[in-house]
Amino acid sequence: MKTIVITGSTKGIGLAMADAFLQDGCQVAISGGRQEPLDEAVASRATSYGSQRVAGFLCDVTLPEQVESLWQEAADRFGRIDIWINNAGMGLPAEPMENIPLAKWQQVVKASGAKVD
């Protein structure tokens, strides 16, 4: 049985991927930055697929120590990690690039882990 970790998987595409992997018989670590949506996503999937195959972990992907903790906690819970999917992200408003303030661009770049000068 493969173990999948998906960042940003409490809603949208990330949660749909979690469902697809669970349907395929995988173990899935769901992660997100807020406790309530995380608890809801895990509880719903545990009811459908069994609590032994799904676990939830808080993780702010902009903080390296939390990403490392996600890895370790998921590996401890499931014994190994076969696939890691970086799905967490943030969107910008739909508008021309030249109208987006520099501070917002820097926030996006910083969230990606790149250095901002």
N, C-alpha and C. Protein backbone atom coordinates (compact mmCIF):
# COMPACT_ATOMS: atom_id res chain seq x y z
N MET A 1 0.85 -1.18 0.00
CA MET A 1 0.00 0.00 0.00
C MET A 1 0.89 1.23 0.00
N LYS A 2 0.68 2.10 -0.97
CA LYS A 2 1.48 3.33 -1.06
C LYS A 2 0.99 4.38 -0.07
N THR A 3 1.93 5.20 0.39
CA THR A 3 1.62 6.31 1.28
C THR A 3 1.86 7.62 0.53
N ILE A 4 0.84 8.47 0.55
CA ILE A 4 0.87 9.74 -0.17
C ILE A 4 0.75 10.87 0.84
N VAL A 5 1.59 11.90 0.72
CA VAL A 5 1.46 13.13 1.49
C VAL A 5 1.10 14.24 0.50
N ILE A 6 0.05 14.99 0.83
CA ILE A 6 -0.38 16.08 -0.05
C ILE A 6 -0.48 17.35 0.78
N THR A 7 0.35 18.34 0.46
CA THR A 7 0.25 19.63 1.15
C THR A 7 -0.96 20.37 0.58
N GLY A 8 -1.57 21.20 1.40
CA GLY A 8 -2.71 21.99 0.96
C GLY A 8 -3.86 21.12 0.47
N SER A 9 -4.23 20.13 1.28
CA SER A 9 -5.21 19.15 0.79
C SER A 9 -6.51 19.12 1.58
N THR A 10 -6.88 20.25 2.18
CA THR A 10 -8.15 20.29 2.92
C THR A 10 -9.32 20.75 2.05
N LYS A 11 -9.03 21.14 0.81
CA LYS A 11 -10.10 21.58 -0.10
C LYS A 11 -9.59 21.52 -1.54
N GLY A 12 -10.47 21.73 -2.46
CA GLY A 12 -10.11 21.87 -3.87
C GLY A 12 -9.39 20.68 -4.46
N ILE A 13 -8.42 20.98 -5.32
CA ILE A 13 -7.68 19.94 -6.04
C ILE A 13 -6.94 19.01 -5.07
N GLY A 14 -6.38 19.56 -4.01
CA GLY A 14 -5.66 18.74 -3.05
C GLY A 14 -6.56 17.69 -2.40
N LEU A 15 -7.76 18.10 -2.02
CA LEU A 15 -8.70 17.16 -1.41
C LEU A 15 -9.19 16.14 -2.43
N ALA A 16 -9.40 16.58 -3.66
CA ALA A 16 -9.80 15.65 -4.72
C ALA A 16 -8.70 14.61 -4.98
N MET A 17 -7.44 15.03 -4.93
CA MET A 17 -6.35 14.06 -5.08
C MET A 17 -6.35 13.08 -3.91
N ALA A 18 -6.57 13.58 -2.69
CA ALA A 18 -6.62 12.70 -1.53
C ALA A 18 -7.70 11.64 -1.72
N ASP A 19 -8.87 12.07 -2.18
CA ASP A 19 -9.97 11.12 -2.43
C ASP A 19 -9.59 10.09 -3.48
N ALA A 20 -8.96 10.54 -4.55
CA ALA A 20 -8.59 9.61 -5.64
C ALA A 20 -7.58 8.58 -5.14
N PHE A 21 -6.59 9.02 -4.37
CA PHE A 21 -5.60 8.07 -3.85
C PHE A 21 -6.24 7.10 -2.85
N LEU A 22 -7.14 7.61 -2.02
CA LEU A 22 -7.83 6.72 -1.07
C LEU A 22 -8.68 5.70 -1.83
N GLN A 23 -9.35 6.13 -2.87
CA GLN A 23 -10.15 5.20 -3.69
C GLN A 23 -9.28 4.13 -4.32
N ASP A 24 -8.03 4.47 -4.61
CA ASP A 24 -7.09 3.50 -5.20
C ASP A 24 -6.43 2.61 -4.14
N GLY A 25 -6.80 2.79 -2.87
CA GLY A 25 -6.28 1.91 -1.82
C GLY A 25 -5.05 2.42 -1.11
N CYS A 26 -4.68 3.68 -1.33
CA CYS A 26 -3.49 4.24 -0.69
C CYS A 26 -3.80 4.75 0.72
N GLN A 27 -2.73 4.99 1.47
CA GLN A 27 -2.80 5.71 2.73
C GLN A 27 -2.48 7.17 2.41
N VAL A 28 -3.20 8.11 3.02
CA VAL A 28 -3.03 9.51 2.65
C VAL A 28 -2.87 10.39 3.89
N ALA A 29 -1.85 11.24 3.85
CA ALA A 29 -1.65 12.28 4.86
C ALA A 29 -2.17 13.58 4.27
N ILE A 30 -3.25 14.09 4.84
CA ILE A 30 -3.84 15.37 4.44
C ILE A 30 -3.21 16.44 5.30
N SER A 31 -2.88 17.58 4.69
CA SER A 31 -2.31 18.66 5.49
C SER A 31 -2.91 20.00 5.08
N GLY A 32 -2.88 20.91 6.03
CA GLY A 32 -3.38 22.26 5.80
C GLY A 32 -2.97 23.17 6.93
N GLY A 33 -3.24 24.43 6.76
CA GLY A 33 -2.80 25.42 7.73
C GLY A 33 -3.80 25.78 8.80
N ARG A 34 -5.03 25.25 8.71
CA ARG A 34 -6.06 25.58 9.70
C ARG A 34 -6.68 24.29 10.24
N GLN A 35 -6.83 24.24 11.57
CA GLN A 35 -7.25 23.02 12.26
C GLN A 35 -8.66 22.56 11.87
N GLU A 36 -9.63 23.47 11.86
CA GLU A 36 -11.01 23.05 11.62
C GLU A 36 -11.22 22.40 10.26
N PRO A 37 -10.77 23.03 9.15
CA PRO A 37 -10.94 22.35 7.86
C PRO A 37 -10.16 21.03 7.78
N LEU A 38 -9.02 20.98 8.45
CA LEU A 38 -8.22 19.75 8.47
C LEU A 38 -9.00 18.64 9.17
N ASP A 39 -9.54 18.95 10.33
CA ASP A 39 -10.31 17.96 11.08
C ASP A 39 -11.52 17.46 10.28
N GLU A 40 -12.20 18.39 9.61
CA GLU A 40 -13.38 18.02 8.81
C GLU A 40 -13.00 17.11 7.64
N ALA A 41 -11.92 17.44 6.94
CA ALA A 41 -11.49 16.65 5.79
C ALA A 41 -11.09 15.24 6.24
N VAL A 42 -10.36 15.14 7.33
CA VAL A 42 -9.90 13.83 7.81
C VAL A 42 -11.08 13.01 8.33
N ALA A 43 -11.96 13.62 9.10
CA ALA A 43 -13.10 12.88 9.67
C ALA A 43 -13.98 12.29 8.57
N SER A 44 -14.25 13.08 7.55
CA SER A 44 -15.08 12.62 6.45
C SER A 44 -14.44 11.45 5.72
N ARG A 45 -13.15 11.52 5.45
CA ARG A 45 -12.46 10.45 4.74
C ARG A 45 -12.26 9.23 5.62
N ALA A 46 -12.07 9.43 6.91
CA ALA A 46 -11.93 8.29 7.82
C ALA A 46 -13.22 7.49 7.86
N THR A 47 -14.35 8.18 7.79
CA THR A 47 -15.64 7.49 7.76
C THR A 47 -15.78 6.66 6.50
N SER A 48 -15.34 7.20 5.38
CA SER A 48 -15.48 6.50 4.09
C SER A 48 -14.42 5.43 3.86
N TYR A 49 -13.18 5.69 4.29
CA TYR A 49 -12.07 4.80 3.92
C TYR A 49 -11.39 4.12 5.10
N GLY A 50 -11.75 4.49 6.31
CA GLY A 50 -11.14 3.91 7.50
C GLY A 50 -10.08 4.83 8.09
N SER A 51 -10.10 4.94 9.40
CA SER A 51 -9.17 5.86 10.07
C SER A 51 -7.72 5.41 10.00
N GLN A 52 -7.48 4.14 9.71
CA GLN A 52 -6.11 3.66 9.59
C GLN A 52 -5.44 4.11 8.30
N ARG A 53 -6.22 4.58 7.31
CA ARG A 53 -5.66 4.95 6.00
C ARG A 53 -5.56 6.45 5.78
N VAL A 54 -6.05 7.26 6.70
CA VAL A 54 -5.99 8.70 6.51
C VAL A 54 -5.59 9.37 7.82
N ALA A 55 -4.76 10.39 7.71
CA ALA A 55 -4.34 11.16 8.88
C ALA A 55 -4.20 12.62 8.46
N GLY A 56 -4.34 13.51 9.42
CA GLY A 56 -4.23 14.94 9.14
C GLY A 56 -3.14 15.58 9.96
N PHE A 57 -2.45 16.54 9.33
CA PHE A 57 -1.34 17.22 10.00
C PHE A 57 -1.38 18.70 9.64
N LEU A 58 -1.29 19.55 10.66
CA LEU A 58 -1.18 20.99 10.42
C LEU A 58 0.19 21.28 9.83
N CYS A 59 0.22 22.13 8.82
CA CYS A 59 1.50 22.49 8.21
C CYS A 59 1.38 23.79 7.45
N ASP A 60 2.20 24.76 7.83
CA ASP A 60 2.35 26.00 7.08
C ASP A 60 3.59 25.80 6.22
N VAL A 61 3.40 25.63 4.92
CA VAL A 61 4.52 25.28 4.04
C VAL A 61 5.53 26.41 3.87
N THR A 62 5.23 27.60 4.38
CA THR A 62 6.22 28.67 4.33
C THR A 62 7.24 28.55 5.46
N LEU A 63 7.02 27.60 6.36
CA LEU A 63 7.93 27.38 7.49
C LEU A 63 8.62 26.03 7.33
N PRO A 64 9.91 26.03 6.99
CA PRO A 64 10.62 24.77 6.74
C PRO A 64 10.52 23.76 7.88
N GLU A 65 10.54 24.24 9.11
CA GLU A 65 10.46 23.30 10.23
C GLU A 65 9.11 22.58 10.28
N GLN A 66 8.05 23.24 9.82
CA GLN A 66 6.75 22.57 9.79
C GLN A 66 6.68 21.55 8.65
N VAL A 67 7.33 21.84 7.54
CA VAL A 67 7.37 20.87 6.43
C VAL A 67 8.16 19.64 6.87
N GLU A 68 9.28 19.85 7.54
CA GLU A 68 10.07 18.73 8.06
C GLU A 68 9.25 17.92 9.06
N SER A 69 8.50 18.60 9.90
CA SER A 69 7.65 17.92 10.88
C SER A 69 6.56 17.12 10.18
N LEU A 70 5.97 17.66 9.12
CA LEU A 70 4.97 16.94 8.35
C LEU A 70 5.57 15.64 7.81
N TRP A 71 6.75 15.73 7.24
CA TRP A 71 7.42 14.53 6.72
C TRP A 71 7.58 13.49 7.83
N GLN A 72 8.15 13.92 8.96
CA GLN A 72 8.45 12.99 10.04
C GLN A 72 7.19 12.39 10.63
N GLU A 73 6.17 13.21 10.87
CA GLU A 73 4.92 12.71 11.47
C GLU A 73 4.21 11.75 10.53
N ALA A 74 4.19 12.05 9.24
CA ALA A 74 3.55 11.15 8.27
C ALA A 74 4.32 9.83 8.17
N ALA A 75 5.65 9.91 8.14
CA ALA A 75 6.47 8.69 8.08
C ALA A 75 6.30 7.86 9.35
N ASP A 76 6.22 8.52 10.49
CA ASP A 76 6.00 7.80 11.75
C ASP A 76 4.63 7.13 11.76
N ARG A 77 3.63 7.81 11.26
CA ARG A 77 2.25 7.29 11.28
C ARG A 77 2.07 6.11 10.32
N PHE A 78 2.63 6.24 9.11
CA PHE A 78 2.39 5.23 8.08
C PHE A 78 3.58 4.32 7.79
N GLY A 79 4.74 4.61 8.38
CA GLY A 79 5.91 3.76 8.18
C GLY A 79 6.82 4.19 7.05
N ARG A 80 6.29 4.91 6.09
CA ARG A 80 7.11 5.40 4.97
C ARG A 80 6.28 6.40 4.17
N ILE A 81 6.96 7.09 3.25
CA ILE A 81 6.30 7.99 2.31
C ILE A 81 6.74 7.59 0.91
N ASP A 82 5.79 7.29 0.05
CA ASP A 82 6.09 6.90 -1.32
C ASP A 82 5.99 8.07 -2.29
N ILE A 83 5.01 8.93 -2.06
CA ILE A 83 4.77 10.06 -2.96
C ILE A 83 4.49 11.30 -2.13
N TRP A 84 5.14 12.41 -2.48
CA TRP A 84 4.93 13.71 -1.83
C TRP A 84 4.43 14.66 -2.90
N ILE A 85 3.28 15.27 -2.67
CA ILE A 85 2.71 16.22 -3.64
C ILE A 85 2.64 17.60 -3.01
N ASN A 86 3.38 18.54 -3.59
CA ASN A 86 3.34 19.94 -3.14
C ASN A 86 2.18 20.63 -3.84
N ASN A 87 1.06 20.72 -3.15
CA ASN A 87 -0.13 21.32 -3.71
C ASN A 87 -0.46 22.66 -3.07
N ALA A 88 0.06 22.92 -1.88
CA ALA A 88 -0.26 24.16 -1.17
C ALA A 88 0.18 25.36 -1.98
N GLY A 89 -0.61 26.38 -1.94
CA GLY A 89 -0.25 27.59 -2.68
C GLY A 89 -1.21 28.70 -2.37
N MET A 90 -1.02 29.77 -3.05
CA MET A 90 -1.91 30.92 -2.89
C MET A 90 -2.16 31.51 -4.26
N GLY A 91 -3.30 32.08 -4.41
CA GLY A 91 -3.65 32.68 -5.70
C GLY A 91 -3.63 34.19 -5.63
N LEU A 92 -3.38 34.78 -6.74
CA LEU A 92 -3.45 36.23 -6.85
C LEU A 92 -4.76 36.59 -7.53
N PRO A 93 -5.23 37.80 -7.31
CA PRO A 93 -6.46 38.21 -8.00
C PRO A 93 -6.25 38.20 -9.51
N ALA A 94 -7.32 37.97 -10.24
CA ALA A 94 -7.26 37.97 -11.70
C ALA A 94 -7.21 39.41 -12.19
N GLU A 95 -6.01 39.87 -12.43
CA GLU A 95 -5.82 41.22 -12.94
C GLU A 95 -4.47 41.29 -13.65
N PRO A 96 -4.25 42.31 -14.43
CA PRO A 96 -2.96 42.41 -15.14
C PRO A 96 -1.79 42.43 -14.15
N MET A 97 -0.71 41.76 -14.55
CA MET A 97 0.46 41.67 -13.68
C MET A 97 0.95 43.03 -13.20
N GLU A 98 0.91 44.01 -14.07
CA GLU A 98 1.44 45.32 -13.70
C GLU A 98 0.62 46.01 -12.61
N ASN A 99 -0.59 45.50 -12.32
CA ASN A 99 -1.43 46.08 -11.27
C ASN A 99 -1.24 45.41 -9.91
N ILE A 100 -0.46 44.34 -9.87
CA ILE A 100 -0.25 43.63 -8.61
C ILE A 100 0.91 44.28 -7.87
N PRO A 101 0.69 44.70 -6.62
CA PRO A 101 1.75 45.39 -5.86
C PRO A 101 2.98 44.51 -5.64
N LEU A 102 4.13 45.14 -5.61
CA LEU A 102 5.38 44.44 -5.40
C LEU A 102 5.35 43.59 -4.13
N ALA A 103 4.76 44.11 -3.07
CA ALA A 103 4.70 43.36 -1.80
C ALA A 103 3.97 42.03 -1.98
N LYS A 104 2.94 41.99 -2.81
CA LYS A 104 2.21 40.74 -3.05
C LYS A 104 3.09 39.77 -3.83
N TRP A 105 3.84 40.25 -4.82
CA TRP A 105 4.77 39.40 -5.57
C TRP A 105 5.82 38.82 -4.63
N GLN A 106 6.34 39.66 -3.76
CA GLN A 106 7.36 39.19 -2.82
C GLN A 106 6.80 38.14 -1.88
N GLN A 107 5.53 38.29 -1.47
CA GLN A 107 4.89 37.30 -0.61
C GLN A 107 4.80 35.95 -1.32
N VAL A 108 4.43 35.96 -2.59
CA VAL A 108 4.32 34.73 -3.36
C VAL A 108 5.70 34.08 -3.52
N VAL A 109 6.69 34.87 -3.85
CA VAL A 109 8.05 34.34 -4.04
C VAL A 109 8.57 33.78 -2.72
N LYS A 110 8.35 34.49 -1.63
CA LYS A 110 8.80 34.01 -0.32
C LYS A 110 8.12 32.70 0.03
N ALA A 111 6.82 32.58 -0.25
CA ALA A 111 6.09 31.34 0.03
C ALA A 111 6.65 30.17 -0.76
N SER A 112 7.26 30.46 -1.89
CA SER A 112 7.83 29.38 -2.72
C SER A 112 9.16 28.88 -2.16
N GLY A 113 9.71 29.61 -1.20
CA GLY A 113 10.99 29.21 -0.62
C GLY A 113 12.17 29.94 -1.22
N ALA A 114 11.92 30.75 -2.24
CA ALA A 114 13.00 31.49 -2.86
C ALA A 114 13.39 32.69 -2.00
N LYS A 115 14.60 33.14 -2.15
CA LYS A 115 15.08 34.28 -1.38
C LYS A 115 14.55 35.58 -2.00
N VAL A 116 14.06 36.48 -1.13
CA VAL A 116 13.55 37.78 -1.58
C VAL A 116 14.49 38.85 -1.06
N ASP A 117 15.03 39.65 -1.98
CA ASP A 117 15.92 40.76 -1.58
C ASP A 117 15.19 42.07 -1.61
